[in-house]
Amino acid sequence: MRGMHAGDLVMDRDGRVSGMIAGDVIVKSGCDVRISGMIAGDVIVEPDASVRISGMVSGRIVDHGGRVRVSGMVRG
């Protein structure tokens, strides 16, 4: 996903998020997602999901049993 996205974004398949998300990003179970953009809300990681964040998250990272790697900035 690239560009501007108003509202929440549900990642239900492997992929990359770059650009700006005005809401939360929800990473569904079993998905592998890279985030290099700016997230205005939270990143919610479901069980068995994998997330690599090198961008900026204004909210929190809520991990429900996934794998999270952060090399960017989390403000929440």
Protein backbone atom coordinates (compact mmCIF):
# COMPACT_ATOMS: atom_id res chain seq x y z
CA MET A 1 0.00 0.00 0.00
CA ARG A 2 1.36 3.41 -0.98
CA GLY A 3 0.14 6.97 -0.79
CA MET A 4 -2.41 8.43 1.63
CA HIS A 5 -5.05 6.21 3.25
CA ALA A 6 -7.82 7.80 5.32
CA GLY A 7 -8.97 5.60 8.19
CA ASP A 8 -7.85 2.17 9.35
CA LEU A 9 -5.96 -0.26 7.12
CA VAL A 10 -6.35 -4.04 7.52
CA MET A 11 -3.42 -6.04 6.16
CA ASP A 12 -4.79 -9.52 5.49
CA ARG A 13 -1.92 -10.62 3.24
CA ASP A 14 1.84 -10.16 3.10
CA GLY A 15 2.95 -6.74 1.92
CA ARG A 16 4.50 -3.35 2.48
CA VAL A 17 3.01 -0.13 3.82
CA SER A 18 4.64 3.11 2.72
CA GLY A 19 3.01 6.50 2.70
CA MET A 20 0.63 7.86 5.34
CA ILE A 21 -2.14 6.01 7.15
CA ALA A 22 -4.54 8.32 9.02
CA GLY A 23 -5.82 5.53 11.31
CA ASP A 24 -4.66 2.19 12.71
CA VAL A 25 -2.90 -0.60 10.86
CA ILE A 26 -4.21 -4.06 11.77
CA VAL A 27 -1.97 -6.96 10.73
CA LYS A 28 -3.96 -10.18 10.52
CA SER A 29 -2.70 -13.52 11.79
CA GLY A 30 -0.12 -15.22 9.57
CA CYS A 31 0.78 -12.10 7.57
CA ASP A 32 4.28 -10.63 7.09
CA VAL A 33 4.18 -6.83 6.73
CA ARG A 34 6.86 -4.14 6.44
CA ILE A 35 5.93 -0.62 7.49
CA SER A 36 8.15 2.21 6.25
CA GLY A 37 5.59 4.99 6.16
CA MET A 38 3.88 7.11 8.79
CA ILE A 39 1.02 5.68 10.87
CA ALA A 40 -1.11 8.25 12.72
CA GLY A 41 -2.77 5.60 14.93
CA ASP A 42 -1.77 2.26 16.44
CA VAL A 43 -0.25 -0.85 14.87
CA ILE A 44 -2.21 -3.89 16.05
CA VAL A 45 -0.46 -7.23 15.53
CA GLU A 46 -2.55 -10.40 15.71
CA PRO A 47 -1.14 -13.80 16.79
CA ASP A 48 1.44 -15.33 14.41
CA ALA A 49 1.76 -12.12 12.36
CA SER A 50 5.17 -10.59 11.65
CA VAL A 51 5.75 -6.82 11.42
CA ARG A 52 8.93 -4.85 10.70
CA ILE A 53 8.61 -1.13 11.35
CA SER A 54 11.21 1.30 9.99
CA GLY A 55 8.83 4.25 9.70
CA MET A 56 7.03 6.32 12.32
CA VAL A 57 4.07 5.27 14.48
CA SER A 58 2.31 8.10 16.34
CA GLY A 59 0.24 5.67 18.44
CA ARG A 60 1.13 2.43 20.18
CA ILE A 61 2.17 -1.02 19.07
CA VAL A 62 -0.33 -3.55 20.40
CA ASP A 63 1.11 -7.05 20.11
CA HIS A 64 -1.35 -9.93 20.60
CA GLY A 65 1.25 -12.66 20.09
CA GLY A 66 3.01 -11.80 16.84
CA ARG A 67 6.60 -10.89 16.05
CA VAL A 68 7.49 -7.18 16.00
CA ARG A 69 10.79 -5.58 15.04
CA VAL A 70 11.17 -1.80 15.34
CA SER A 71 14.02 0.23 13.88
CA GLY A 72 11.92 3.36 13.39
CA MET A 73 10.14 5.67 15.83
CA VAL A 74 7.13 4.97 18.06
CA ARG A 75 5.68 7.99 19.85
CA GLY A 76 2.76 6.42 21.73
